[in-house]
Amino acid sequence: MGIAESIALLRKEIPQHVKIVAVSKTMPQVLVKEAYDAGQRAFGENRVQELTEKQLFLPKDTEWHVIGHLQTNKVKYVVPFVSLIQSVDSLKLLSEINQEACKIGRTIDCLLQMRIAREETKFGLSFAEAKQMLNSDEFKSYQSIKLTGLMGMATFTNETSRIKEEFFQLARYFEEIKTKWFSNDASFRELSMGMSGDYKLALEAGSTMVRIGSLIFGERNYNR
């Protein structure tokens, strides 16, 4: 099945209000352009150098998402064009994004990455850390970032019950944070969870944004 057919099939299966982010990391520009030509507009990357190269190749209406761990010293390279930084996992990173965005007069949409998986290798904030951040005077002073929701990755496992539990936990985090800090902010609405192998479980838990790679592009070559 080709890329266009794969995207068309996903759009039939995924509710219209849920945004599909095509995970294009490690994929050559020609395949990303093929997805663009099939109507896909949102793409997710986790390597800054690769992201900056691809954004020069694709049309300007492409929506670029940072979905991997972002180092503070790389923030300045993506702030001029990125649509959404999904992987904010520290106040230090959020501060750097705010600072760099302020320099060029942009406001950057961000998601807080929450740690819901039972894997030490996963990045993300605990719920306690997220609440501490939102209560801080430093966070309240930021003028050039906008939090629009949460992101999380479930444990890499075949245990469906565990994955569902983690997605519903993230949904509860979202509801509590929305109620306490963003009840009057309509832009805080995104719950980014679910990938090629578990997006259907994420949709059950209320995901508004799914990050799909292999179901669109096929298995990726990590040696690329």
N, C-alpha and C. Protein backbone atom coordinates (compact mmCIF):
# COMPACT_ATOMS: atom_id res chain seq x y z
N MET A 1 0.85 -1.20 0.00
CA MET A 1 0.00 0.00 0.00
C MET A 1 0.88 1.24 0.00
N GLY A 2 0.56 2.20 -0.86
CA GLY A 2 1.34 3.42 -0.95
C GLY A 2 0.99 4.41 0.15
N ILE A 3 1.77 5.49 0.21
CA ILE A 3 1.60 6.50 1.25
C ILE A 3 0.23 7.17 1.15
N ALA A 4 -0.18 7.54 -0.06
CA ALA A 4 -1.48 8.21 -0.23
C ALA A 4 -2.62 7.31 0.22
N GLU A 5 -2.54 6.01 -0.14
CA GLU A 5 -3.58 5.07 0.25
C GLU A 5 -3.61 4.88 1.77
N SER A 6 -2.43 4.84 2.37
CA SER A 6 -2.34 4.67 3.82
C SER A 6 -2.97 5.85 4.56
N ILE A 7 -2.70 7.05 4.07
CA ILE A 7 -3.27 8.26 4.69
C ILE A 7 -4.79 8.26 4.52
N ALA A 8 -5.26 7.91 3.35
CA ALA A 8 -6.70 7.87 3.09
C ALA A 8 -7.40 6.87 4.02
N LEU A 9 -6.78 5.72 4.24
CA LEU A 9 -7.35 4.70 5.11
C LEU A 9 -7.40 5.20 6.56
N LEU A 10 -6.34 5.84 7.01
CA LEU A 10 -6.31 6.38 8.38
C LEU A 10 -7.40 7.42 8.58
N ARG A 11 -7.62 8.25 7.58
CA ARG A 11 -8.63 9.31 7.70
C ARG A 11 -10.03 8.74 7.79
N LYS A 12 -10.22 7.54 7.23
CA LYS A 12 -11.52 6.89 7.35
C LYS A 12 -11.71 6.31 8.75
N GLU A 13 -10.61 5.88 9.37
CA GLU A 13 -10.68 5.22 10.67
C GLU A 13 -10.62 6.18 11.85
N ILE A 14 -9.99 7.33 11.64
CA ILE A 14 -9.76 8.28 12.74
C ILE A 14 -10.78 9.42 12.65
N PRO A 15 -11.44 9.76 13.75
CA PRO A 15 -12.44 10.83 13.73
C PRO A 15 -11.88 12.14 13.18
N GLN A 16 -12.73 12.88 12.53
CA GLN A 16 -12.31 14.10 11.83
C GLN A 16 -11.70 15.13 12.77
N HIS A 17 -12.14 15.16 14.03
CA HIS A 17 -11.63 16.17 14.95
C HIS A 17 -10.25 15.84 15.49
N VAL A 18 -9.75 14.64 15.20
CA VAL A 18 -8.43 14.21 15.68
C VAL A 18 -7.38 14.51 14.61
N LYS A 19 -6.33 15.24 15.00
CA LYS A 19 -5.27 15.59 14.05
C LYS A 19 -4.30 14.43 13.91
N ILE A 20 -3.97 14.09 12.67
CA ILE A 20 -2.96 13.07 12.39
C ILE A 20 -1.63 13.78 12.15
N VAL A 21 -0.65 13.46 12.99
CA VAL A 21 0.71 13.98 12.81
C VAL A 21 1.54 12.86 12.22
N ALA A 22 2.00 13.04 10.99
CA ALA A 22 2.80 12.02 10.33
C ALA A 22 4.23 12.08 10.87
N VAL A 23 4.67 11.01 11.51
CA VAL A 23 6.01 10.98 12.09
C VAL A 23 7.00 10.68 10.97
N SER A 24 7.68 11.73 10.53
CA SER A 24 8.53 11.65 9.35
C SER A 24 10.01 11.52 9.69
N LYS A 25 10.34 11.35 10.97
CA LYS A 25 11.75 11.24 11.36
C LYS A 25 12.41 10.07 10.63
N THR A 26 13.62 10.29 10.17
CA THR A 26 14.47 9.36 9.40
C THR A 26 13.96 9.11 7.99
N MET A 27 12.80 9.65 7.64
CA MET A 27 12.28 9.41 6.30
C MET A 27 12.85 10.44 5.30
N PRO A 28 13.20 9.99 4.10
CA PRO A 28 13.75 10.93 3.11
C PRO A 28 12.72 11.97 2.69
N GLN A 29 13.23 13.10 2.26
CA GLN A 29 12.37 14.22 1.90
C GLN A 29 11.35 13.85 0.83
N VAL A 30 11.75 13.00 -0.11
CA VAL A 30 10.85 12.65 -1.20
C VAL A 30 9.60 11.94 -0.69
N LEU A 31 9.74 11.12 0.36
CA LEU A 31 8.58 10.43 0.92
C LEU A 31 7.71 11.39 1.73
N VAL A 32 8.35 12.33 2.40
CA VAL A 32 7.59 13.33 3.15
C VAL A 32 6.78 14.19 2.18
N LYS A 33 7.41 14.55 1.05
CA LYS A 33 6.71 15.33 0.03
C LYS A 33 5.55 14.52 -0.56
N GLU A 34 5.72 13.22 -0.68
CA GLU A 34 4.65 12.37 -1.19
C GLU A 34 3.45 12.41 -0.25
N ALA A 35 3.72 12.39 1.06
CA ALA A 35 2.64 12.50 2.04
C ALA A 35 1.98 13.87 1.96
N TYR A 36 2.79 14.91 1.80
CA TYR A 36 2.25 16.26 1.64
C TYR A 36 1.33 16.34 0.42
N ASP A 37 1.77 15.75 -0.68
CA ASP A 37 0.97 15.78 -1.91
C ASP A 37 -0.33 15.00 -1.77
N ALA A 38 -0.37 14.09 -0.78
CA ALA A 38 -1.59 13.32 -0.51
C ALA A 38 -2.51 14.06 0.46
N GLY A 39 -2.13 15.28 0.81
CA GLY A 39 -2.98 16.11 1.66
C GLY A 39 -2.55 16.20 3.11
N GLN A 40 -1.50 15.48 3.49
CA GLN A 40 -1.02 15.54 4.87
C GLN A 40 -0.29 16.86 5.10
N ARG A 41 -0.57 17.52 6.21
CA ARG A 41 0.07 18.81 6.47
C ARG A 41 0.90 18.84 7.76
N ALA A 42 0.57 18.02 8.74
CA ALA A 42 1.30 18.04 10.02
C ALA A 42 2.30 16.90 10.06
N PHE A 43 3.55 17.25 10.35
CA PHE A 43 4.63 16.27 10.41
C PHE A 43 5.40 16.40 11.71
N GLY A 44 5.82 15.26 12.26
CA GLY A 44 6.55 15.25 13.52
C GLY A 44 7.98 14.79 13.35
N GLU A 45 8.91 15.53 13.92
CA GLU A 45 10.33 15.22 13.85
C GLU A 45 10.94 15.29 15.25
N ASN A 46 12.02 14.53 15.46
CA ASN A 46 12.66 14.58 16.77
C ASN A 46 14.13 14.96 16.71
N ARG A 47 14.66 15.16 15.51
CA ARG A 47 16.04 15.59 15.36
C ARG A 47 16.06 16.97 14.72
N VAL A 48 16.66 17.91 15.42
CA VAL A 48 16.59 19.30 14.99
C VAL A 48 17.24 19.52 13.64
N GLN A 49 18.40 18.94 13.40
CA GLN A 49 19.07 19.14 12.12
C GLN A 49 18.23 18.61 10.96
N GLU A 50 17.66 17.44 11.15
CA GLU A 50 16.81 16.85 10.12
C GLU A 50 15.56 17.70 9.89
N LEU A 51 15.01 18.20 10.96
CA LEU A 51 13.81 19.05 10.88
C LEU A 51 14.09 20.34 10.12
N THR A 52 15.18 20.99 10.44
CA THR A 52 15.49 22.26 9.78
C THR A 52 15.77 22.06 8.29
N GLU A 53 16.35 20.92 7.93
CA GLU A 53 16.60 20.64 6.51
C GLU A 53 15.30 20.37 5.76
N LYS A 54 14.42 19.60 6.37
CA LYS A 54 13.16 19.25 5.70
C LYS A 54 12.24 20.45 5.55
N GLN A 55 12.24 21.34 6.52
CA GLN A 55 11.32 22.47 6.43
C GLN A 55 11.70 23.40 5.29
N LEU A 56 12.95 23.36 4.85
CA LEU A 56 13.36 24.15 3.69
C LEU A 56 12.88 23.51 2.39
N PHE A 57 12.70 22.20 2.42
CA PHE A 57 12.33 21.44 1.23
C PHE A 57 10.84 21.45 0.97
N LEU A 58 10.03 21.44 2.03
CA LEU A 58 8.59 21.35 1.87
C LEU A 58 7.95 22.74 1.79
N PRO A 59 6.73 22.82 1.24
CA PRO A 59 6.03 24.11 1.14
C PRO A 59 5.83 24.77 2.50
N LYS A 60 5.64 26.07 2.47
CA LYS A 60 5.61 26.86 3.70
C LYS A 60 4.37 26.61 4.56
N ASP A 61 3.33 26.00 3.99
CA ASP A 61 2.14 25.75 4.80
C ASP A 61 2.24 24.42 5.55
N THR A 62 3.40 23.77 5.49
CA THR A 62 3.60 22.55 6.26
C THR A 62 3.65 22.88 7.75
N GLU A 63 3.02 22.04 8.54
CA GLU A 63 2.93 22.25 10.00
C GLU A 63 3.95 21.31 10.66
N TRP A 64 4.99 21.89 11.25
CA TRP A 64 6.05 21.08 11.84
C TRP A 64 5.89 20.97 13.35
N HIS A 65 5.97 19.74 13.85
CA HIS A 65 5.87 19.47 15.29
C HIS A 65 7.18 18.86 15.78
N VAL A 66 7.70 19.38 16.88
CA VAL A 66 8.82 18.72 17.56
C VAL A 66 8.21 17.69 18.50
N ILE A 67 8.56 16.41 18.30
CA ILE A 67 7.93 15.36 19.11
C ILE A 67 8.93 14.60 19.98
N GLY A 68 10.22 14.91 19.83
CA GLY A 68 11.23 14.24 20.64
C GLY A 68 11.87 15.18 21.63
N HIS A 69 12.71 14.64 22.49
CA HIS A 69 13.40 15.43 23.50
C HIS A 69 14.16 16.57 22.83
N LEU A 70 13.93 17.79 23.28
CA LEU A 70 14.54 18.97 22.69
C LEU A 70 15.55 19.57 23.67
N GLN A 71 16.80 19.66 23.24
CA GLN A 71 17.83 20.27 24.08
C GLN A 71 17.70 21.79 24.02
N THR A 72 17.97 22.44 25.13
CA THR A 72 17.80 23.89 25.19
C THR A 72 18.67 24.62 24.18
N ASN A 73 19.87 24.09 23.90
CA ASN A 73 20.76 24.78 22.95
C ASN A 73 20.32 24.64 21.50
N LYS A 74 19.28 23.82 21.25
CA LYS A 74 18.75 23.66 19.88
C LYS A 74 17.45 24.43 19.65
N VAL A 75 16.92 25.01 20.71
CA VAL A 75 15.62 25.69 20.62
C VAL A 75 15.64 26.80 19.58
N LYS A 76 16.72 27.58 19.54
CA LYS A 76 16.79 28.74 18.65
C LYS A 76 16.65 28.37 17.18
N TYR A 77 16.98 27.12 16.84
CA TYR A 77 16.92 26.70 15.44
C TYR A 77 15.50 26.38 14.97
N VAL A 78 14.62 26.01 15.88
CA VAL A 78 13.27 25.61 15.48
C VAL A 78 12.21 26.68 15.74
N VAL A 79 12.48 27.57 16.67
CA VAL A 79 11.49 28.59 17.04
C VAL A 79 11.01 29.45 15.86
N PRO A 80 11.85 29.77 14.87
CA PRO A 80 11.37 30.62 13.78
C PRO A 80 10.25 30.01 12.94
N PHE A 81 10.10 28.68 12.92
CA PHE A 81 9.12 28.10 12.00
C PHE A 81 8.22 27.02 12.60
N VAL A 82 8.55 26.48 13.76
CA VAL A 82 7.81 25.34 14.29
C VAL A 82 6.37 25.73 14.65
N SER A 83 5.44 24.80 14.44
CA SER A 83 4.04 25.05 14.77
C SER A 83 3.70 24.64 16.19
N LEU A 84 4.32 23.54 16.65
CA LEU A 84 4.02 23.02 17.98
C LEU A 84 5.21 22.25 18.52
N ILE A 85 5.58 22.54 19.76
CA ILE A 85 6.60 21.75 20.45
C ILE A 85 5.85 20.86 21.42
N GLN A 86 5.79 19.56 21.12
CA GLN A 86 4.99 18.64 21.91
C GLN A 86 5.72 18.12 23.14
N SER A 87 7.03 18.30 23.18
CA SER A 87 7.85 17.58 24.15
C SER A 87 8.48 18.47 25.22
N VAL A 88 7.71 19.39 25.77
CA VAL A 88 8.23 20.25 26.85
C VAL A 88 8.25 19.44 28.14
N ASP A 89 9.45 19.15 28.63
CA ASP A 89 9.58 18.29 29.80
C ASP A 89 10.30 18.93 30.97
N SER A 90 10.47 20.26 30.93
CA SER A 90 11.10 20.95 32.05
C SER A 90 10.81 22.44 31.98
N LEU A 91 10.88 23.09 33.12
CA LEU A 91 10.70 24.54 33.17
C LEU A 91 11.86 25.23 32.46
N LYS A 92 13.04 24.65 32.56
CA LYS A 92 14.23 25.20 31.88
C LYS A 92 14.01 25.27 30.38
N LEU A 93 13.45 24.21 29.81
CA LEU A 93 13.19 24.19 28.36
C LEU A 93 12.11 25.20 28.00
N LEU A 94 11.07 25.27 28.79
CA LEU A 94 10.00 26.22 28.52
C LEU A 94 10.52 27.65 28.58
N SER A 95 11.41 27.92 29.53
CA SER A 95 12.01 29.24 29.66
C SER A 95 12.82 29.60 28.42
N GLU A 96 13.57 28.65 27.91
CA GLU A 96 14.38 28.89 26.71
C GLU A 96 13.50 29.14 25.49
N ILE A 97 12.43 28.38 25.36
CA ILE A 97 11.49 28.59 24.25
C ILE A 97 10.90 29.99 24.33
N ASN A 98 10.49 30.38 25.51
CA ASN A 98 9.91 31.71 25.72
C ASN A 98 10.91 32.81 25.34
N GLN A 99 12.14 32.62 25.78
CA GLN A 99 13.18 33.62 25.53
C GLN A 99 13.48 33.76 24.04
N GLU A 100 13.63 32.64 23.35
CA GLU A 100 13.94 32.69 21.92
C GLU A 100 12.76 33.19 21.09
N ALA A 101 11.55 32.82 21.50
CA ALA A 101 10.35 33.29 20.79
C ALA A 101 10.18 34.79 20.95
N CYS A 102 10.48 35.27 22.14
CA CYS A 102 10.36 36.70 22.43
C CYS A 102 11.27 37.52 21.52
N LYS A 103 12.46 36.99 21.26
CA LYS A 103 13.44 37.70 20.43
C LYS A 103 12.93 37.98 19.03
N ILE A 104 12.09 37.08 18.50
CA ILE A 104 11.63 37.24 17.11
C ILE A 104 10.14 37.57 17.04
N GLY A 105 9.54 37.84 18.17
CA GLY A 105 8.15 38.28 18.18
C GLY A 105 7.14 37.19 17.87
N ARG A 106 7.46 35.94 18.19
CA ARG A 106 6.51 34.84 17.99
C ARG A 106 5.97 34.34 19.32
N THR A 107 4.81 33.72 19.28
CA THR A 107 4.29 32.97 20.41
C THR A 107 4.24 31.51 19.98
N ILE A 108 4.87 30.64 20.76
CA ILE A 108 5.01 29.24 20.38
C ILE A 108 4.04 28.37 21.17
N ASP A 109 3.25 27.59 20.45
CA ASP A 109 2.36 26.63 21.09
C ASP A 109 3.18 25.44 21.60
N CYS A 110 2.86 24.99 22.80
CA CYS A 110 3.61 23.91 23.44
C CYS A 110 2.66 22.95 24.15
N LEU A 111 3.10 21.70 24.25
CA LEU A 111 2.43 20.71 25.07
C LEU A 111 3.38 20.29 26.18
N LEU A 112 2.87 20.05 27.36
CA LEU A 112 3.68 19.47 28.42
C LEU A 112 3.75 17.96 28.19
N GLN A 113 4.95 17.43 28.14
CA GLN A 113 5.10 15.99 28.01
C GLN A 113 5.06 15.36 29.40
N MET A 114 4.08 14.49 29.60
CA MET A 114 3.89 13.83 30.89
C MET A 114 4.48 12.42 30.83
N ARG A 115 5.08 12.01 31.92
CA ARG A 115 5.65 10.67 32.00
C ARG A 115 4.60 9.72 32.55
N ILE A 116 4.05 8.90 31.66
CA ILE A 116 3.01 7.95 32.07
C ILE A 116 3.48 6.51 31.94
N ALA A 117 4.54 6.29 31.16
CA ALA A 117 5.04 4.93 30.93
C ALA A 117 5.85 4.43 32.13
N ARG A 118 5.87 3.14 32.29
CA ARG A 118 6.66 2.52 33.35
C ARG A 118 8.04 2.17 32.81
N GLU A 119 8.67 3.13 32.19
CA GLU A 119 9.99 2.96 31.61
C GLU A 119 10.85 4.15 31.98
N GLU A 120 12.01 3.90 32.57
CA GLU A 120 12.88 4.98 33.00
C GLU A 120 13.45 5.77 31.84
N THR A 121 13.47 5.15 30.66
CA THR A 121 14.06 5.81 29.50
C THR A 121 13.17 6.89 28.91
N LYS A 122 11.91 6.91 29.28
CA LYS A 122 10.99 7.90 28.74
C LYS A 122 11.19 9.25 29.43
N PHE A 123 11.18 10.32 28.62
CA PHE A 123 11.24 11.67 29.18
C PHE A 123 9.83 12.07 29.62
N GLY A 124 9.75 13.16 30.38
CA GLY A 124 8.45 13.67 30.76
C GLY A 124 8.39 14.11 32.20
N LEU A 125 7.36 14.88 32.49
CA LEU A 125 7.12 15.40 33.83
C LEU A 125 6.21 14.45 34.60
N SER A 126 6.45 14.34 35.89
CA SER A 126 5.46 13.69 36.73
C SER A 126 4.32 14.68 36.94
N PHE A 127 3.20 14.18 37.43
CA PHE A 127 2.05 15.08 37.65
C PHE A 127 2.41 16.14 38.70
N ALA A 128 3.15 15.74 39.72
CA ALA A 128 3.57 16.68 40.77
C ALA A 128 4.47 17.76 40.19
N GLU A 129 5.39 17.38 39.30
CA GLU A 129 6.30 18.36 38.69
C GLU A 129 5.53 19.33 37.79
N ALA A 130 4.55 18.82 37.06
CA ALA A 130 3.75 19.68 36.19
C ALA A 130 2.98 20.71 37.01
N LYS A 131 2.39 20.28 38.11
CA LYS A 131 1.63 21.20 38.95
C LYS A 131 2.54 22.26 39.58
N GLN A 132 3.73 21.83 39.99
CA GLN A 132 4.69 22.78 40.56
C GLN A 132 5.08 23.82 39.52
N MET A 133 5.28 23.38 38.29
CA MET A 133 5.63 24.30 37.21
C MET A 133 4.51 25.31 36.97
N LEU A 134 3.29 24.84 36.87
CA LEU A 134 2.16 25.71 36.58
C LEU A 134 1.89 26.70 37.69
N ASN A 135 2.27 26.36 38.90
CA ASN A 135 2.09 27.25 40.05
C ASN A 135 3.22 28.26 40.21
N SER A 136 4.31 28.08 39.48
CA SER A 136 5.49 28.92 39.68
C SER A 136 5.30 30.32 39.11
N ASP A 137 5.91 31.28 39.77
CA ASP A 137 5.87 32.66 39.30
C ASP A 137 6.58 32.80 37.95
N GLU A 138 7.63 31.98 37.76
CA GLU A 138 8.36 32.05 36.50
C GLU A 138 7.46 31.67 35.33
N PHE A 139 6.72 30.59 35.46
CA PHE A 139 5.82 30.18 34.39
C PHE A 139 4.79 31.28 34.10
N LYS A 140 4.26 31.87 35.15
CA LYS A 140 3.23 32.90 34.98
C LYS A 140 3.76 34.14 34.28
N SER A 141 5.09 34.30 34.27
CA SER A 141 5.68 35.49 33.65
C SER A 141 5.91 35.35 32.15
N TYR A 142 5.80 34.14 31.63
CA TYR A 142 6.10 33.91 30.21
C TYR A 142 5.02 34.53 29.33
N GLN A 143 5.47 35.27 28.33
CA GLN A 143 4.55 35.95 27.42
C GLN A 143 4.60 35.40 25.99
N SER A 144 5.60 34.57 25.70
CA SER A 144 5.80 34.14 24.31
C SER A 144 5.61 32.64 24.09
N ILE A 145 4.98 31.99 25.06
CA ILE A 145 4.60 30.58 24.88
C ILE A 145 3.12 30.45 25.23
N LYS A 146 2.49 29.45 24.63
CA LYS A 146 1.11 29.15 24.97
C LYS A 146 0.97 27.64 25.14
N LEU A 147 0.59 27.22 26.34
CA LEU A 147 0.35 25.80 26.56
C LEU A 147 -1.01 25.44 26.00
N THR A 148 -1.04 24.45 25.12
CA THR A 148 -2.30 24.07 24.49
C THR A 148 -2.72 22.65 24.84
N GLY A 149 -1.98 21.98 25.74
CA GLY A 149 -2.39 20.65 26.14
C GLY A 149 -1.26 19.80 26.66
N LEU A 150 -1.46 18.48 26.63
CA LEU A 150 -0.51 17.52 27.16
C LEU A 150 -0.16 16.48 26.09
N MET A 151 1.02 15.87 26.27
CA MET A 151 1.45 14.77 25.42
C MET A 151 2.01 13.67 26.30
N GLY A 152 1.86 12.43 25.85
CA GLY A 152 2.45 11.32 26.60
C GLY A 152 2.61 10.09 25.73
N MET A 153 3.53 9.22 26.14
CA MET A 153 3.77 7.96 25.44
C MET A 153 3.58 6.81 26.41
N ALA A 154 2.82 5.83 25.99
CA ALA A 154 2.57 4.66 26.83
C ALA A 154 3.78 3.73 26.82
N THR A 155 3.79 2.83 27.77
CA THR A 155 4.84 1.81 27.84
C THR A 155 4.85 0.97 26.56
N PHE A 156 6.05 0.63 26.10
CA PHE A 156 6.18 -0.22 24.92
C PHE A 156 5.96 -1.67 25.36
N THR A 157 4.75 -2.13 25.19
CA THR A 157 4.37 -3.46 25.68
C THR A 157 3.20 -3.99 24.87
N ASN A 158 3.00 -5.29 24.94
CA ASN A 158 1.84 -5.91 24.29
C ASN A 158 0.64 -5.98 25.24
N GLU A 159 0.84 -5.52 26.48
CA GLU A 159 -0.23 -5.58 27.48
C GLU A 159 -1.23 -4.45 27.23
N THR A 160 -2.30 -4.77 26.54
CA THR A 160 -3.31 -3.76 26.21
C THR A 160 -3.86 -3.07 27.44
N SER A 161 -4.06 -3.81 28.51
CA SER A 161 -4.65 -3.23 29.72
C SER A 161 -3.74 -2.16 30.31
N ARG A 162 -2.43 -2.39 30.26
CA ARG A 162 -1.50 -1.39 30.79
C ARG A 162 -1.51 -0.13 29.95
N ILE A 163 -1.50 -0.30 28.62
CA ILE A 163 -1.52 0.86 27.73
C ILE A 163 -2.79 1.68 27.95
N LYS A 164 -3.94 1.01 28.03
CA LYS A 164 -5.20 1.72 28.27
C LYS A 164 -5.16 2.46 29.60
N GLU A 165 -4.63 1.82 30.61
CA GLU A 165 -4.54 2.45 31.93
C GLU A 165 -3.71 3.72 31.87
N GLU A 166 -2.60 3.67 31.14
CA GLU A 166 -1.72 4.84 31.05
C GLU A 166 -2.37 5.96 30.25
N PHE A 167 -3.06 5.63 29.17
CA PHE A 167 -3.74 6.66 28.39
C PHE A 167 -4.87 7.31 29.19
N PHE A 168 -5.64 6.53 29.92
CA PHE A 168 -6.71 7.10 30.72
C PHE A 168 -6.14 7.93 31.87
N GLN A 169 -4.96 7.54 32.37
CA GLN A 169 -4.31 8.35 33.40
C GLN A 169 -3.94 9.71 32.85
N LEU A 170 -3.40 9.74 31.62
CA LEU A 170 -3.05 11.02 30.99
C LEU A 170 -4.30 11.86 30.77
N ALA A 171 -5.38 11.22 30.39
CA ALA A 171 -6.64 11.95 30.19
C ALA A 171 -7.12 12.58 31.51
N ARG A 172 -6.91 11.88 32.61
CA ARG A 172 -7.29 12.44 33.92
C ARG A 172 -6.39 13.62 34.28
N TYR A 173 -5.10 13.50 33.97
CA TYR A 173 -4.19 14.63 34.19
C TYR A 173 -4.68 15.85 33.41
N PHE A 174 -5.04 15.60 32.14
CA PHE A 174 -5.50 16.70 31.29
C PHE A 174 -6.72 17.38 31.91
N GLU A 175 -7.69 16.59 32.33
CA GLU A 175 -8.91 17.17 32.88
C GLU A 175 -8.65 17.98 34.14
N GLU A 176 -7.76 17.48 35.00
CA GLU A 176 -7.48 18.21 36.23
C GLU A 176 -6.73 19.51 35.95
N ILE A 177 -5.75 19.45 35.06
CA ILE A 177 -5.00 20.65 34.72
C ILE A 177 -5.89 21.66 34.00
N LYS A 178 -6.71 21.17 33.09
CA LYS A 178 -7.64 22.05 32.38
C LYS A 178 -8.57 22.76 33.37
N THR A 179 -9.12 22.00 34.30
CA THR A 179 -10.07 22.57 35.26
C THR A 179 -9.42 23.59 36.18
N LYS A 180 -8.22 23.28 36.65
CA LYS A 180 -7.58 24.14 37.65
C LYS A 180 -6.86 25.35 37.07
N TRP A 181 -6.23 25.19 35.91
CA TRP A 181 -5.39 26.27 35.39
C TRP A 181 -5.89 26.88 34.07
N PHE A 182 -6.68 26.15 33.31
CA PHE A 182 -7.05 26.63 31.97
C PHE A 182 -8.55 26.55 31.70
N SER A 183 -9.35 26.66 32.72
CA SER A 183 -10.79 26.48 32.55
C SER A 183 -11.41 27.50 31.61
N ASN A 184 -10.82 28.68 31.52
CA ASN A 184 -11.35 29.72 30.64
C ASN A 184 -10.52 29.91 29.38
N ASP A 185 -9.65 28.95 29.09
CA ASP A 185 -8.76 29.06 27.95
C ASP A 185 -9.12 27.97 26.93
N ALA A 186 -9.82 28.37 25.89
CA ALA A 186 -10.29 27.41 24.88
C ALA A 186 -9.15 26.78 24.09
N SER A 187 -7.97 27.43 24.08
CA SER A 187 -6.85 26.89 23.32
C SER A 187 -6.18 25.70 24.02
N PHE A 188 -6.44 25.52 25.32
CA PHE A 188 -5.91 24.34 26.01
C PHE A 188 -6.87 23.19 25.76
N ARG A 189 -6.60 22.45 24.69
CA ARG A 189 -7.57 21.44 24.25
C ARG A 189 -6.94 20.17 23.68
N GLU A 190 -5.60 20.16 23.56
CA GLU A 190 -4.96 19.04 22.88
C GLU A 190 -4.48 17.95 23.84
N LEU A 191 -4.76 16.73 23.48
CA LEU A 191 -4.29 15.56 24.22
C LEU A 191 -3.61 14.65 23.20
N SER A 192 -2.29 14.80 23.10
CA SER A 192 -1.53 14.07 22.08
C SER A 192 -1.05 12.74 22.64
N MET A 193 -1.70 11.68 22.22
CA MET A 193 -1.29 10.34 22.65
C MET A 193 -1.76 9.33 21.62
N GLY A 194 -0.96 8.29 21.47
CA GLY A 194 -1.28 7.26 20.49
C GLY A 194 -0.35 7.32 19.30
N MET A 195 0.21 6.14 18.96
CA MET A 195 1.09 6.01 17.80
C MET A 195 0.58 4.86 16.93
N SER A 196 1.36 4.44 15.97
CA SER A 196 0.88 3.44 15.01
C SER A 196 0.35 2.19 15.68
N GLY A 197 1.01 1.74 16.75
CA GLY A 197 0.62 0.49 17.36
C GLY A 197 -0.48 0.57 18.39
N ASP A 198 -0.78 1.77 18.87
CA ASP A 198 -1.76 1.88 19.97
C ASP A 198 -2.73 3.04 19.83
N TYR A 199 -2.82 3.64 18.64
CA TYR A 199 -3.65 4.84 18.50
C TYR A 199 -5.13 4.57 18.76
N LYS A 200 -5.59 3.35 18.46
CA LYS A 200 -7.01 3.05 18.69
C LYS A 200 -7.34 3.08 20.18
N LEU A 201 -6.40 2.61 21.01
CA LEU A 201 -6.59 2.67 22.46
C LEU A 201 -6.56 4.13 22.93
N ALA A 202 -5.70 4.92 22.32
CA ALA A 202 -5.61 6.34 22.69
C ALA A 202 -6.90 7.08 22.33
N LEU A 203 -7.49 6.74 21.20
CA LEU A 203 -8.74 7.38 20.79
C LEU A 203 -9.85 7.07 21.80
N GLU A 204 -9.85 5.85 22.33
CA GLU A 204 -10.83 5.49 23.35
C GLU A 204 -10.71 6.37 24.58
N ALA A 205 -9.49 6.79 24.88
CA ALA A 205 -9.23 7.59 26.08
C ALA A 205 -9.39 9.08 25.83
N GLY A 206 -9.68 9.47 24.59
CA GLY A 206 -9.95 10.88 24.31
C GLY A 206 -8.85 11.64 23.60
N SER A 207 -7.94 10.94 22.95
CA SER A 207 -6.87 11.62 22.22
C SER A 207 -7.42 12.56 21.16
N THR A 208 -6.77 13.72 21.02
CA THR A 208 -7.16 14.67 19.96
C THR A 208 -6.07 14.77 18.90
N MET A 209 -4.97 14.05 19.11
CA MET A 209 -3.82 14.14 18.21
C MET A 209 -3.04 12.83 18.28
N VAL A 210 -2.87 12.17 17.14
CA VAL A 210 -2.14 10.90 17.12
C VAL A 210 -0.90 11.06 16.25
N ARG A 211 0.18 10.40 16.66
CA ARG A 211 1.46 10.51 15.98
C ARG A 211 1.72 9.19 15.24
N ILE A 212 1.55 9.21 13.93
CA ILE A 212 1.56 7.99 13.14
C ILE A 212 2.76 7.97 12.20
N GLY A 213 3.59 6.95 12.33
CA GLY A 213 4.77 6.84 11.48
C GLY A 213 4.70 5.65 10.54
N SER A 214 4.89 4.45 11.07
CA SER A 214 5.02 3.26 10.22
C SER A 214 3.75 2.95 9.42
N LEU A 215 2.58 3.30 9.93
CA LEU A 215 1.34 3.04 9.19
C LEU A 215 1.21 3.94 7.97
N ILE A 216 2.01 5.00 7.92
CA ILE A 216 2.01 5.89 6.75
C ILE A 216 3.21 5.59 5.86
N PHE A 217 4.40 5.57 6.47
CA PHE A 217 5.63 5.47 5.69
C PHE A 217 6.22 4.07 5.60
N GLY A 218 5.67 3.13 6.36
CA GLY A 218 6.28 1.80 6.44
C GLY A 218 7.34 1.79 7.53
N GLU A 219 7.95 0.65 7.73
CA GLU A 219 8.98 0.53 8.77
C GLU A 219 10.16 1.43 8.44
N ARG A 220 10.65 2.16 9.45
CA ARG A 220 11.72 3.11 9.20
C ARG A 220 13.09 2.45 9.31
N ASN A 221 14.04 3.04 8.62
CA ASN A 221 15.42 2.58 8.65
C ASN A 221 16.20 3.42 9.63
N TYR A 222 16.49 2.86 10.82
CA TYR A 222 17.17 3.64 11.85
C TYR A 222 18.66 3.86 11.55
N ASN A 223 19.16 3.22 10.50
CA ASN A 223 20.55 3.45 10.13
C ASN A 223 20.72 4.60 9.15
N ARG A 224 19.59 5.19 8.78
CA ARG A 224 19.63 6.28 7.80
C ARG A 224 20.39 7.49 8.35
